[in-house]
PDB file of N, CA and C in Angstrom:
ATOM      1  N   MET A   1      -1.999   7.893 -37.934  1.00  0.00           N
ATOM      2  CA  MET A   1      -1.843   7.942 -36.505  1.00  0.00           C
ATOM      3  C   MET A   1      -0.378   7.837 -36.107  1.00  0.00           C
ATOM      4  N   LEU A   2       0.469   7.202 -36.884  1.00  0.00           N
ATOM      5  CA  LEU A   2       1.826   6.955 -36.457  1.00  0.00           C
ATOM      6  C   LEU A   2       2.812   8.018 -36.926  1.00  0.00           C
ATOM      7  N   LEU A   3       2.430   8.853 -37.872  1.00  0.00           N
ATOM      8  CA  LEU A   3       3.355   9.835 -38.406  1.00  0.00           C
ATOM      9  C   LEU A   3       3.926  10.723 -37.320  1.00  0.00           C
ATOM     10  N   ASN A   4       3.083  11.239 -36.451  1.00  0.00           N
ATOM     11  CA  ASN A   4       3.560  12.109 -35.381  1.00  0.00           C
ATOM     12  C   ASN A   4       3.309  11.484 -34.018  1.00  0.00           C
ATOM     13  N   PHE A   5       3.225  10.158 -33.969  1.00  0.00           N
ATOM     14  CA  PHE A   5       2.970   9.370 -32.763  1.00  0.00           C
ATOM     15  C   PHE A   5       1.601   9.687 -32.187  1.00  0.00           C
ATOM     16  N   ASP A   6       0.756  10.372 -32.964  1.00  0.00           N
ATOM     17  CA  ASP A   6      -0.586  10.725 -32.498  1.00  0.00           C
ATOM     18  C   ASP A   6      -0.492  11.458 -31.162  1.00  0.00           C
ATOM     19  N   THR A   7       0.311  12.519 -31.140  1.00  0.00           N
ATOM     20  CA  THR A   7       0.612  13.236 -29.904  1.00  0.00           C
ATOM     21  C   THR A   7      -0.627  13.818 -29.251  1.00  0.00           C
ATOM     22  N   PRO A   8      -0.616  13.905 -27.910  1.00  0.00           N
ATOM     23  CA  PRO A   8      -1.787  14.339 -27.148  1.00  0.00           C
ATOM     24  C   PRO A   8      -2.204  15.788 -27.374  1.00  0.00           C
ATOM     25  N   SER A   9      -3.228  16.182 -26.662  1.00  0.00           N
ATOM     26  CA  SER A   9      -3.918  17.445 -26.899  1.00  0.00           C
ATOM     27  C   SER A   9      -3.095  18.695 -26.709  1.00  0.00           C
ATOM     28  N   ALA A  10      -1.939  18.600 -26.122  1.00  0.00           N
ATOM     29  CA  ALA A  10      -1.094  19.790 -26.032  1.00  0.00           C
ATOM     30  C   ALA A  10      -0.807  20.322 -27.424  1.00  0.00           C
ATOM     31  N   THR A  11      -0.791  19.434 -28.397  1.00  0.00           N
ATOM     32  CA  THR A  11      -0.547  19.862 -29.766  1.00  0.00           C
ATOM     33  C   THR A  11      -1.842  20.201 -30.486  1.00  0.00           C
ATOM     34  N   ASP A  12      -2.955  19.683 -29.993  1.00  0.00           N
ATOM     35  CA  ASP A  12      -4.237  19.922 -30.654  1.00  0.00           C
ATOM     36  C   ASP A  12      -4.746  21.339 -30.415  1.00  0.00           C
ATOM     37  N   SER A  13      -4.317  21.939 -29.335  1.00  0.00           N
ATOM     38  CA  SER A  13      -4.815  23.255 -28.964  1.00  0.00           C
ATOM     39  C   SER A  13      -3.652  24.104 -28.481  1.00  0.00           C
ATOM     40  N   LYS A  14      -3.000  24.812 -29.404  1.00  0.00           N
ATOM     41  CA  LYS A  14      -1.777  25.547 -29.078  1.00  0.00           C
ATOM     42  C   LYS A  14      -1.920  26.433 -27.855  1.00  0.00           C
ATOM     43  N   PRO A  15      -2.670  27.503 -27.870  1.00  0.00           N
ATOM     44  CA  PRO A  15      -2.718  28.330 -26.668  1.00  0.00           C
ATOM     45  C   PRO A  15      -3.622  27.708 -25.618  1.00  0.00           C
ATOM     46  N   PRO A  16      -3.240  27.650 -24.378  1.00  0.00           N
ATOM     47  CA  PRO A  16      -1.975  28.056 -23.787  1.00  0.00           C
ATOM     48  C   PRO A  16      -1.018  26.888 -23.596  1.00  0.00           C
ATOM     49  N   ALA A  17      -1.246  25.759 -24.279  1.00  0.00           N
ATOM     50  CA  ALA A  17      -0.484  24.547 -24.007  1.00  0.00           C
ATOM     51  C   ALA A  17       0.978  24.628 -24.425  1.00  0.00           C
ATOM     52  N   THR A  18       1.327  25.424 -25.410  1.00  0.00           N
ATOM     53  CA  THR A  18       2.719  25.571 -25.823  1.00  0.00           C
ATOM     54  C   THR A  18       2.977  27.023 -26.180  1.00  0.00           C
ATOM     55  N   THR A  19       4.259  27.309 -26.369  1.00  0.00           N
ATOM     56  CA  THR A  19       4.637  28.625 -26.871  1.00  0.00           C
ATOM     57  C   THR A  19       4.929  28.548 -28.367  1.00  0.00           C
ATOM     58  N   ALA A  20       4.564  27.443 -28.984  1.00  0.00           N
ATOM     59  CA  ALA A  20       4.820  27.239 -30.409  1.00  0.00           C
ATOM     60  C   ALA A  20       4.062  28.257 -31.252  1.00  0.00           C
ATOM     61  N   ASP A  21       4.684  28.639 -32.366  1.00  0.00           N
ATOM     62  CA  ASP A  21       4.068  29.594 -33.285  1.00  0.00           C
ATOM     63  C   ASP A  21       3.171  28.927 -34.319  1.00  0.00           C
ATOM     64  N   SER A  22       3.313  27.610 -34.489  1.00  0.00           N
ATOM     65  CA  SER A  22       2.524  26.918 -35.504  1.00  0.00           C
ATOM     66  C   SER A  22       2.131  25.529 -34.992  1.00  0.00           C
ATOM     67  N   HIS A  23       1.185  24.946 -35.688  1.00  0.00           N
ATOM     68  CA  HIS A  23       0.773  23.587 -35.331  1.00  0.00           C
ATOM     69  C   HIS A  23       1.951  22.626 -35.502  1.00  0.00           C
ATOM     70  N   GLY A  24       2.739  22.816 -36.555  1.00  0.00           N
ATOM     71  CA  GLY A  24       3.904  21.952 -36.793  1.00  0.00           C
ATOM     72  C   GLY A  24       4.893  22.004 -35.637  1.00  0.00           C
ATOM     73  N   GLU A  25       5.119  23.202 -35.095  1.00  0.00           N
ATOM     74  CA  GLU A  25       6.013  23.331 -33.947  1.00  0.00           C
ATOM     75  C   GLU A  25       5.425  22.635 -32.723  1.00  0.00           C
ATOM     76  N   ALA A  26       4.129  22.774 -32.541  1.00  0.00           N
ATOM     77  CA  ALA A  26       3.475  22.106 -31.415  1.00  0.00           C
ATOM     78  C   ALA A  26       3.564  20.588 -31.559  1.00  0.00           C
ATOM     79  N   VAL A  27       3.404  20.078 -32.769  1.00  0.00           N
ATOM     80  CA  VAL A  27       3.526  18.637 -33.008  1.00  0.00           C
ATOM     81  C   VAL A  27       4.939  18.172 -32.687  1.00  0.00           C
ATOM     82  N   ALA A  28       5.945  18.936 -33.133  1.00  0.00           N
ATOM     83  CA  ALA A  28       7.337  18.573 -32.850  1.00  0.00           C
ATOM     84  C   ALA A  28       7.578  18.491 -31.344  1.00  0.00           C
ATOM     85  N   LEU A  29       7.082  19.473 -30.604  1.00  0.00           N
ATOM     86  CA  LEU A  29       7.238  19.470 -29.151  1.00  0.00           C
ATOM     87  C   LEU A  29       6.518  18.277 -28.529  1.00  0.00           C
ATOM     88  N   GLY A  30       5.347  17.932 -29.054  1.00  0.00           N
ATOM     89  CA  GLY A  30       4.627  16.755 -28.568  1.00  0.00           C
ATOM     90  C   GLY A  30       5.396  15.474 -28.842  1.00  0.00           C
ATOM     91  N   MET A  31       6.047  15.401 -30.000  1.00  0.00           N
ATOM     92  CA  MET A  31       6.858  14.233 -30.327  1.00  0.00           C
ATOM     93  C   MET A  31       8.010  14.088 -29.340  1.00  0.00           C
ATOM     94  N   VAL A  32       8.670  15.197 -29.035  1.00  0.00           N
ATOM     95  CA  VAL A  32       9.779  15.160 -28.073  1.00  0.00           C
ATOM     96  C   VAL A  32       9.270  14.699 -26.704  1.00  0.00           C
ATOM     97  N   ALA A  33       8.126  15.220 -26.293  1.00  0.00           N
ATOM     98  CA  ALA A  33       7.562  14.834 -25.001  1.00  0.00           C
ATOM     99  C   ALA A  33       7.280  13.332 -24.955  1.00  0.00           C
ATOM    100  N   ILE A  34       6.691  12.807 -26.009  1.00  0.00           N
ATOM    101  CA  ILE A  34       6.382  11.373 -26.064  1.00  0.00           C
ATOM    102  C   ILE A  34       7.661  10.540 -26.098  1.00  0.00           C
ATOM    103  N   LEU A  35       8.669  11.009 -26.824  1.00  0.00           N
ATOM    104  CA  LEU A  35       9.953  10.291 -26.849  1.00  0.00           C
ATOM    105  C   LEU A  35      10.569  10.243 -25.453  1.00  0.00           C
ATOM    106  N   GLN A  36      10.544  11.366 -24.749  1.00  0.00           N
ATOM    107  CA  GLN A  36      11.086  11.396 -23.386  1.00  0.00           C
ATOM    108  C   GLN A  36      10.324  10.441 -22.476  1.00  0.00           C
ATOM    109  N   PHE A  37       9.001  10.473 -22.576  1.00  0.00           N
ATOM    110  CA  PHE A  37       8.180   9.599 -21.747  1.00  0.00           C
ATOM    111  C   PHE A  37       8.458   8.137 -22.071  1.00  0.00           C
ATOM    112  N   GLY A  38       8.556   7.802 -23.348  1.00  0.00           N
ATOM    113  CA  GLY A  38       8.849   6.434 -23.762  1.00  0.00           C
ATOM    114  C   GLY A  38      10.208   5.955 -23.269  1.00  0.00           C
ATOM    115  N   GLN A  39      11.200   6.840 -23.332  1.00  0.00           N
ATOM    116  CA  GLN A  39      12.522   6.487 -22.815  1.00  0.00           C
ATOM    117  C   GLN A  39      12.467   6.229 -21.317  1.00  0.00           C
ATOM    118  N   ALA A  40      11.789   7.085 -20.595  1.00  0.00           N
ATOM    119  CA  ALA A  40      11.698   6.947 -19.142  1.00  0.00           C
ATOM    120  C   ALA A  40      11.026   5.636 -18.743  1.00  0.00           C
ATOM    121  N   ARG A  41      10.116   5.159 -19.567  1.00  0.00           N
ATOM    122  CA  ARG A  41       9.419   3.896 -19.281  1.00  0.00           C
ATOM    123  C   ARG A  41      10.186   2.684 -19.810  1.00  0.00           C
ATOM    124  N   GLY A  42      11.330   2.920 -20.442  1.00  0.00           N
ATOM    125  CA  GLY A  42      12.137   1.819 -20.962  1.00  0.00           C
ATOM    126  C   GLY A  42      11.609   1.241 -22.255  1.00  0.00           C
ATOM    127  N   ILE A  43      10.775   1.988 -22.951  1.00  0.00           N
ATOM    128  CA  ILE A  43      10.182   1.505 -24.200  1.00  0.00           C
ATOM    129  C   ILE A  43      10.938   2.049 -25.404  1.00  0.00           C
ATOM    130  N   THR A  44      11.213   3.345 -25.410  1.00  0.00           N
ATOM    131  CA  THR A  44      11.881   3.985 -26.537  1.00  0.00           C
ATOM    132  C   THR A  44      13.391   3.901 -26.374  1.00  0.00           C
ATOM    133  N   ALA A  45      14.056   3.381 -27.389  1.00  0.00           N
ATOM    134  CA  ALA A  45      15.512   3.293 -27.368  1.00  0.00           C
ATOM    135  C   ALA A  45      16.115   4.694 -27.419  1.00  0.00           C
ATOM    136  N   LYS A  46      17.133   4.919 -26.603  1.00  0.00           N
ATOM    137  CA  LYS A  46      17.761   6.234 -26.529  1.00  0.00           C
ATOM    138  C   LYS A  46      18.258   6.693 -27.899  1.00  0.00           C
ATOM    139  N   GLY A  47      18.843   5.806 -28.654  1.00  0.00           N
ATOM    140  CA  GLY A  47      19.350   6.162 -29.981  1.00  0.00           C
ATOM    141  C   GLY A  47      18.241   6.587 -30.930  1.00  0.00           C
ATOM    142  N   ALA A  48      17.094   5.940 -30.819  1.00  0.00           N
ATOM    143  CA  ALA A  48      15.958   6.301 -31.679  1.00  0.00           C
ATOM    144  C   ALA A  48      15.458   7.693 -31.331  1.00  0.00           C
ATOM    145  N   ALA A  49      15.332   7.969 -30.041  1.00  0.00           N
ATOM    146  CA  ALA A  49      14.877   9.293 -29.607  1.00  0.00           C
ATOM    147  C   ALA A  49      15.852  10.364 -30.065  1.00  0.00           C
ATOM    148  N   LYS A  50      17.126  10.125 -29.887  1.00  0.00           N
ATOM    149  CA  LYS A  50      18.146  11.104 -30.276  1.00  0.00           C
ATOM    150  C   LYS A  50      18.083  11.372 -31.780  1.00  0.00           C
ATOM    151  N   HIS A  51      17.930  10.322 -32.562  1.00  0.00           N
ATOM    152  CA  HIS A  51      17.861  10.460 -34.023  1.00  0.00           C
ATOM    153  C   HIS A  51      16.673  11.331 -34.438  1.00  0.00           C
ATOM    154  N   ILE A  52      15.527  11.077 -33.869  1.00  0.00           N
ATOM    155  CA  ILE A  52      14.327  11.842 -34.228  1.00  0.00           C
ATOM    156  C   ILE A  52      14.464  13.295 -33.786  1.00  0.00           C
ATOM    157  N   VAL A  53      14.983  13.528 -32.595  1.00  0.00           N
ATOM    158  CA  VAL A  53      15.186  14.907 -32.125  1.00  0.00           C
ATOM    159  C   VAL A  53      16.153  15.639 -33.046  1.00  0.00           C
ATOM    160  N   GLU A  54      17.209  14.972 -33.470  1.00  0.00           N
ATOM    161  CA  GLU A  54      18.162  15.598 -34.396  1.00  0.00           C
ATOM    162  C   GLU A  54      17.498  15.951 -35.724  1.00  0.00           C
ATOM    163  N   LEU A  55      16.628  15.093 -36.215  1.00  0.00           N
ATOM    164  CA  LEU A  55      15.907  15.382 -37.461  1.00  0.00           C
ATOM    165  C   LEU A  55      14.991  16.590 -37.293  1.00  0.00           C
ATOM    166  N   LEU A  56      14.282  16.650 -36.180  1.00  0.00           N
ATOM    167  CA  LEU A  56      13.408  17.797 -35.921  1.00  0.00           C
ATOM    168  C   LEU A  56      14.225  19.090 -35.858  1.00  0.00           C
ATOM    169  N   GLU A  57      15.359  19.046 -35.147  1.00  0.00           N
ATOM    170  CA  GLU A  57      16.214  20.227 -35.034  1.00  0.00           C
ATOM    171  C   GLU A  57      16.777  20.638 -36.390  1.00  0.00           C
ATOM    172  N   ALA A  58      17.128  19.660 -37.229  1.00  0.00           N
ATOM    173  CA  ALA A  58      17.685  19.954 -38.557  1.00  0.00           C
ATOM    174  C   ALA A  58      16.687  20.691 -39.439  1.00  0.00           C
ATOM    175  N   THR A  59      15.399  20.490 -39.176  1.00  0.00           N
ATOM    176  CA  THR A  59      14.377  21.188 -39.961  1.00  0.00           C
ATOM    177  C   THR A  59      13.990  22.521 -39.339  1.00  0.00           C
ATOM    178  N   GLY A  60      14.640  22.844 -38.221  1.00  0.00           N
ATOM    179  CA  GLY A  60      14.360  24.116 -37.561  1.00  0.00           C
ATOM    180  C   GLY A  60      13.196  24.084 -36.588  1.00  0.00           C
ATOM    181  N   LEU A  61      12.681  22.902 -36.293  1.00  0.00           N
ATOM    182  CA  LEU A  61      11.564  22.791 -35.356  1.00  0.00           C
ATOM    183  C   LEU A  61      12.083  22.793 -33.913  1.00  0.00           C
ATOM    184  N   PRO A  62      11.300  23.318 -32.989  1.00  0.00           N
ATOM    185  CA  PRO A  62      11.741  23.367 -31.593  1.00  0.00           C
ATOM    186  C   PRO A  62      11.709  21.988 -30.944  1.00  0.00           C
ATOM    187  N   THR A  63      12.662  21.758 -30.039  1.00  0.00           N
ATOM    188  CA  THR A  63      12.717  20.480 -29.318  1.00  0.00           C
ATOM    189  C   THR A  63      12.921  20.661 -27.820  1.00  0.00           C
ATOM    190  N   ASP A  64      13.096  21.879 -27.352  1.00  0.00           N
ATOM    191  CA  ASP A  64      13.371  22.143 -25.949  1.00  0.00           C
ATOM    192  C   ASP A  64      12.058  22.365 -25.189  1.00  0.00           C
ATOM    193  N   LEU A  65      11.727  21.416 -24.346  1.00  0.00           N
ATOM    194  CA  LEU A  65      10.481  21.513 -23.584  1.00  0.00           C
ATOM    195  C   LEU A  65      10.621  22.373 -22.334  1.00  0.00           C
ATOM    196  N   SER A  66      11.824  22.795 -21.997  1.00  0.00           N
ATOM    197  CA  SER A  66      12.025  23.510 -20.739  1.00  0.00           C
ATOM    198  C   SER A  66      11.293  24.848 -20.679  1.00  0.00           C
ATOM    199  N   LYS A  67      10.987  25.421 -21.831  1.00  0.00           N
ATOM    200  CA  LYS A  67      10.283  26.705 -21.862  1.00  0.00           C
ATOM    201  C   LYS A  67       8.784  26.542 -22.090  1.00  0.00           C
ATOM    202  N   GLN A  68       8.321  25.312 -22.096  1.00  0.00           N
ATOM    203  CA  GLN A  68       6.918  25.038 -22.382  1.00  0.00           C
ATOM    204  C   GLN A  68       6.111  24.933 -21.091  1.00  0.00           C
ATOM    205  N   PRO A  69       4.898  25.424 -21.098  1.00  0.00           N
ATOM    206  CA  PRO A  69       4.036  25.332 -19.907  1.00  0.00           C
ATOM    207  C   PRO A  69       3.400  23.944 -19.793  1.00  0.00           C
ATOM    208  N   LEU A  70       4.223  22.974 -19.387  1.00  0.00           N
ATOM    209  CA  LEU A  70       3.747  21.588 -19.333  1.00  0.00           C
ATOM    210  C   LEU A  70       2.578  21.411 -18.375  1.00  0.00           C
ATOM    211  N   ASP A  71       2.542  22.206 -17.312  1.00  0.00           N
ATOM    212  CA  ASP A  71       1.417  22.105 -16.389  1.00  0.00           C
ATOM    213  C   ASP A  71       0.114  22.506 -17.078  1.00  0.00           C
ATOM    214  N   GLU A  72       0.182  23.499 -17.958  1.00  0.00           N
ATOM    215  CA  GLU A  72      -1.002  23.909 -18.724  1.00  0.00           C
ATOM    216  C   GLU A  72      -1.395  22.826 -19.731  1.00  0.00           C
ATOM    217  N   ALA A  73      -0.405  22.224 -20.355  1.00  0.00           N
ATOM    218  CA  ALA A  73      -0.683  21.149 -21.313  1.00  0.00           C
ATOM    219  C   ALA A  73      -1.361  19.975 -20.622  1.00  0.00           C
ATOM    220  N   MET A  74      -0.924  19.652 -19.407  1.00  0.00           N
ATOM    221  CA  MET A  74      -1.516  18.530 -18.682  1.00  0.00           C
ATOM    222  C   MET A  74      -2.985  18.779 -18.358  1.00  0.00           C
ATOM    223  N   LYS A  75      -3.371  20.026 -18.177  1.00  0.00           N
ATOM    224  CA  LYS A  75      -4.777  20.335 -17.910  1.00  0.00           C
ATOM    225  C   LYS A  75      -5.659  19.966 -19.107  1.00  0.00           C
ATOM    226  N   LEU A  76      -5.101  20.017 -20.303  1.00  0.00           N
ATOM    227  CA  LEU A  76      -5.866  19.717 -21.514  1.00  0.00           C
ATOM    228  C   LEU A  76      -6.059  18.219 -21.739  1.00  0.00           C
ATOM    229  N   VAL A  77      -5.290  17.404 -21.030  1.00  0.00           N
ATOM    230  CA  VAL A  77      -5.390  15.951 -21.200  1.00  0.00           C
ATOM    231  C   VAL A  77      -6.805  15.457 -20.900  1.00  0.00           C
ATOM    232  N   ALA A  78      -7.499  16.128 -20.021  1.00  0.00           N
ATOM    233  CA  ALA A  78      -8.872  15.729 -19.694  1.00  0.00           C
ATOM    234  C   ALA A  78      -9.779  15.757 -20.924  1.00  0.00           C
ATOM    235  N   PHE A  79      -9.408  16.537 -21.927  1.00  0.00           N
ATOM    236  CA  PHE A  79     -10.215  16.671 -23.141  1.00  0.00           C
ATOM    237  C   PHE A  79      -9.629  15.907 -24.329  1.00  0.00           C
ATOM    238  N   ASP A  80      -8.562  15.175 -24.098  1.00  0.00           N
ATOM    239  CA  ASP A  80      -7.849  14.506 -25.187  1.00  0.00           C
ATOM    240  C   ASP A  80      -8.682  13.381 -25.789  1.00  0.00           C
ATOM    241  N   LYS A  81      -8.642  13.264 -27.108  1.00  0.00           N
ATOM    242  CA  LYS A  81      -9.404  12.220 -27.802  1.00  0.00           C
ATOM    243  C   LYS A  81      -8.884  10.821 -27.497  1.00  0.00           C
ATOM    244  N   LYS A  82      -7.675  10.706 -26.965  1.00  0.00           N
ATOM    245  CA  LYS A  82      -7.106   9.403 -26.644  1.00  0.00           C
ATOM    246  C   LYS A  82      -7.327   9.023 -25.184  1.00  0.00           C
ATOM    247  N   ARG A  83      -8.027   9.860 -24.434  1.00  0.00           N
ATOM    248  CA  ARG A  83      -8.296   9.584 -23.030  1.00  0.00           C
ATOM    249  C   ARG A  83      -9.473   8.621 -22.909  1.00  0.00           C
ATOM    250  N   VAL A  84      -9.288   7.603 -22.086  1.00  0.00           N
ATOM    251  CA  VAL A  84     -10.352   6.676 -21.734  1.00  0.00           C
ATOM    252  C   VAL A  84     -10.326   6.578 -20.218  1.00  0.00           C
ATOM    253  N   ALA A  85     -11.355   7.133 -19.586  1.00  0.00           N
ATOM    254  CA  ALA A  85     -11.419   7.212 -18.117  1.00  0.00           C
ATOM    255  C   ALA A  85     -10.170   7.917 -17.609  1.00  0.00           C
ATOM    256  N   SER A  86      -9.381   7.235 -16.801  1.00  0.00           N
ATOM    257  CA  SER A  86      -8.185   7.874 -16.234  1.00  0.00           C
ATOM    258  C   SER A  86      -6.912   7.406 -16.923  1.00  0.00           C
ATOM    259  N   THR A  87      -7.036   6.987 -18.185  1.00  0.00           N
ATOM    260  CA  THR A  87      -5.866   6.528 -18.944  1.00  0.00           C
ATOM    261  C   THR A  87      -5.771   7.251 -20.289  1.00  0.00           C
ATOM    262  N   LEU A  88      -4.586   7.167 -20.884  1.00  0.00           N
ATOM    263  CA  LEU A  88      -4.356   7.666 -22.242  1.00  0.00           C
ATOM    264  C   LEU A  88      -3.832   6.520 -23.092  1.00  0.00           C
ATOM    265  N   ARG A  89      -4.300   6.452 -24.326  1.00  0.00           N
ATOM    266  CA  ARG A  89      -3.730   5.513 -25.301  1.00  0.00           C
ATOM    267  C   ARG A  89      -2.647   6.278 -26.037  1.00  0.00           C
ATOM    268  N   LEU A  90      -1.385   5.950 -25.752  1.00  0.00           N
ATOM    269  CA  LEU A  90      -0.263   6.658 -26.351  1.00  0.00           C
ATOM    270  C   LEU A  90       0.455   5.776 -27.358  1.00  0.00           C
ATOM    271  N   VAL A  91       0.896   6.388 -28.442  1.00  0.00           N
ATOM    272  CA  VAL A  91       1.748   5.701 -29.400  1.00  0.00           C
ATOM    273  C   VAL A  91       3.181   6.014 -28.997  1.00  0.00           C
ATOM    274  N   LEU A  92       3.869   5.000 -28.484  1.00  0.00           N
ATOM    275  CA  LEU A  92       5.271   5.141 -28.097  1.00  0.00           C
ATOM    276  C   LEU A  92       6.117   4.371 -29.093  1.00  0.00           C
ATOM    277  N   LEU A  93       7.310   4.859 -29.343  1.00  0.00           N
ATOM    278  CA  LEU A  93       8.201   4.178 -30.283  1.00  0.00           C
ATOM    279  C   LEU A  93       9.199   3.318 -29.524  1.00  0.00           C
ATOM    280  N   GLU A  94       9.394   2.102 -30.016  1.00  0.00           N
ATOM    281  CA  GLU A  94      10.479   1.270 -29.499  1.00  0.00           C
ATOM    282  C   GLU A  94      11.760   1.678 -30.228  1.00  0.00           C
ATOM    283  N   GLU A  95      11.662   1.713 -31.536  1.00  0.00           N
ATOM    284  CA  GLU A  95      12.722   2.146 -32.445  1.00  0.00           C
ATOM    285  C   GLU A  95      12.048   2.937 -33.559  1.00  0.00           C
ATOM    286  N   VAL A  96      12.835   3.588 -34.383  1.00  0.00           N
ATOM    287  CA  VAL A  96      12.266   4.285 -35.535  1.00  0.00           C
ATOM    288  C   VAL A  96      11.529   3.255 -36.385  1.00  0.00           C
ATOM    289  N   GLY A  97      10.264   3.527 -36.677  1.00  0.00           N
ATOM    290  CA  GLY A  97       9.455   2.621 -37.482  1.00  0.00           C
ATOM    291  C   GLY A  97       8.839   1.477 -36.701  1.00  0.00           C
ATOM    292  N   GLN A  98       9.022   1.445 -35.382  1.00  0.00           N
ATOM    293  CA  GLN A  98       8.459   0.377 -34.549  1.00  0.00           C
ATOM    294  C   GLN A  98       7.610   0.979 -33.428  1.00  0.00           C
ATOM    295  N   PRO A  99       6.400   1.414 -33.781  1.00  0.00           N
ATOM    296  CA  PRO A  99       5.514   2.002 -32.768  1.00  0.00           C
ATOM    297  C   PRO A  99       4.818   0.923 -31.940  1.00  0.00           C
ATOM    298  N   ARG A 100       4.349   1.348 -30.802  1.00  0.00           N
ATOM    299  CA  ARG A 100       3.620   0.442 -29.914  1.00  0.00           C
ATOM    300  C   ARG A 100       2.595   1.284 -29.157  1.00  0.00           C
ATOM    301  N   ILE A 101       1.370   0.809 -29.106  1.00  0.00           N
ATOM    302  CA  ILE A 101       0.325   1.515 -28.372  1.00  0.00           C
ATOM    303  C   ILE A 101       0.345   1.044 -26.919  1.00  0.00           C
ATOM    304  N   GLU A 102       0.419   1.998 -26.021  1.00  0.00           N
ATOM    305  CA  GLU A 102       0.422   1.720 -24.587  1.00  0.00           C
ATOM    306  C   GLU A 102      -0.750   2.445 -23.936  1.00  0.00           C
ATOM    307  N   VAL A 103      -1.431   1.782 -23.053  1.00  0.00           N
ATOM    308  CA  VAL A 103      -2.473   2.415 -22.250  1.00  0.00           C
ATOM    309  C   VAL A 103      -1.806   2.780 -20.930  1.00  0.00           C
ATOM    310  N   VAL A 104      -1.759   4.082 -20.670  1.00  0.00           N
ATOM    311  CA  VAL A 104      -0.978   4.606 -19.548  1.00  0.00           C
ATOM    312  C   VAL A 104      -1.889   5.421 -18.628  1.00  0.00           C
ATOM    313  N   PRO A 105      -1.778   5.223 -17.329  1.00  0.00           N
ATOM    314  CA  PRO A 105      -2.551   6.071 -16.413  1.00  0.00           C
ATOM    315  C   PRO A 105      -2.161   7.548 -16.591  1.00  0.00           C
ATOM    316  N   ILE A 106      -3.144   8.419 -16.666  1.00  0.00           N
ATOM    317  CA  ILE A 106      -2.880   9.852 -16.819  1.00  0.00           C
ATOM    318  C   ILE A 106      -1.974  10.336 -15.695  1.00  0.00           C
ATOM    319  N   GLU A 107      -2.157   9.799 -14.510  1.00  0.00           N
ATOM    320  CA  GLU A 107      -1.342  10.233 -13.371  1.00  0.00           C
ATOM    321  C   GLU A 107       0.139   9.941 -13.605  1.00  0.00           C
ATOM    322  N   ASP A 108       0.475   8.840 -14.283  1.00  0.00           N
ATOM    323  CA  ASP A 108       1.878   8.541 -14.601  1.00  0.00           C
ATOM    324  C   ASP A 108       2.461   9.619 -15.504  1.00  0.00           C
ATOM    325  N   VAL A 109       1.674  10.048 -16.488  1.00  0.00           N
ATOM    326  CA  VAL A 109       2.126  11.098 -17.414  1.00  0.00           C
ATOM    327  C   VAL A 109       2.290  12.405 -16.643  1.00  0.00           C
ATOM    328  N   ARG A 110       1.318  12.735 -15.834  1.00  0.00           N
ATOM    329  CA  ARG A 110       1.362  13.969 -15.037  1.00  0.00           C
ATOM    330  C   ARG A 110       2.597  13.981 -14.130  1.00  0.00           C
ATOM    331  N   GLN A 111       2.846  12.891 -13.435  1.00  0.00           N
ATOM    332  CA  GLN A 111       4.001  12.816 -12.538  1.00  0.00           C
ATOM    333  C   GLN A 111       5.307  12.927 -13.301  1.00  0.00           C
ATOM    334  N   PHE A 112       5.397  12.262 -14.454  1.00  0.00           N
ATOM    335  CA  PHE A 112       6.628  12.327 -15.235  1.00  0.00           C
ATOM    336  C   PHE A 112       6.942  13.763 -15.633  1.00  0.00           C
ATOM    337  N   PHE A 113       5.955  14.468 -16.165  1.00  0.00           N
ATOM    338  CA  PHE A 113       6.223  15.821 -16.637  1.00  0.00           C
ATOM    339  C   PHE A 113       6.328  16.835 -15.506  1.00  0.00           C
ATOM    340  N   SER A 114       5.801  16.526 -14.345  1.00  0.00           N
ATOM    341  CA  SER A 114       5.993  17.440 -13.214  1.00  0.00           C
ATOM    342  C   SER A 114       7.414  17.309 -12.664  1.00  0.00           C
ATOM    343  N   ARG A 115       8.036  16.143 -12.836  1.00  0.00           N
ATOM    344  CA  ARG A 115       9.425  15.923 -12.409  1.00  0.00           C
ATOM    345  C   ARG A 115      10.423  16.289 -13.499  1.00  0.00           C
ATOM    346  N   SER A 116       9.960  16.324 -14.739  1.00  0.00           N
ATOM    347  CA  SER A 116      10.851  16.518 -15.874  1.00  0.00           C
ATOM    348  C   SER A 116      11.437  17.933 -15.888  1.00  0.00           C
ATOM    349  N   THR A 117      12.678  17.991 -16.290  1.00  0.00           N
ATOM    350  CA  THR A 117      13.318  19.300 -16.455  1.00  0.00           C
ATOM    351  C   THR A 117      12.909  19.931 -17.772  1.00  0.00           C
ATOM    352  N   GLY A 118      12.340  19.108 -18.656  1.00  0.00           N
ATOM    353  CA  GLY A 118      11.960  19.616 -19.970  1.00  0.00           C
ATOM    354  C   GLY A 118      13.054  19.498 -20.997  1.00  0.00           C
ATOM    355  N   LYS A 119      14.231  19.156 -20.594  1.00  0.00           N
ATOM    356  CA  LYS A 119      15.346  18.997 -21.540  1.00  0.00           C
ATOM    357  C   LYS A 119      15.308  17.591 -22.103  1.00  0.00           C
ATOM    358  N   HIS A 120      15.559  17.456 -23.398  1.00  0.00           N
ATOM    359  CA  HIS A 120      15.595  16.113 -23.967  1.00  0.00           C
ATOM    360  C   HIS A 120      16.937  15.476 -23.649  1.00  0.00           C
ATOM    361  N   ASP A 121      16.922  14.157 -23.547  1.00  0.00           N
ATOM    362  CA  ASP A 121      18.111  13.374 -23.233  1.00  0.00           C
ATOM    363  C   ASP A 121      18.872  13.043 -24.489  1.00  0.00           C
ATOM    364  N   ASP A 122      20.100  13.478 -24.595  1.00  0.00           N
ATOM    365  CA  ASP A 122      20.902  13.146 -25.791  1.00  0.00           C
ATOM    366  C   ASP A 122      21.792  11.972 -25.548  1.00  0.00           C
TER     367      ASP A 122
END
């Protein structure tokens, strides 16, 4: 569960949730999304997020969410295996190797990504 932060359904069902060509690319994009969300909530350390994004980029995986149909991905959250009523159980990282499970209202996630530019914070 912790290897890829157990990213939400945007990665579980590629079309139309991402423009990724493979499941691995979709997972990478989901990891970036979760890192951004964790940073915005003050949970994920900026340095940890930057380090992980750099590792993903070094392997050639996509990290730019600005071209992703986040609104389409949010529609799939209703079917996510981590959804309980109107919440999601998300694995957020405090630091590399220090995960934490947070129960987050789906509306908080929706609002964050509707305001997000999609660019990761370096």
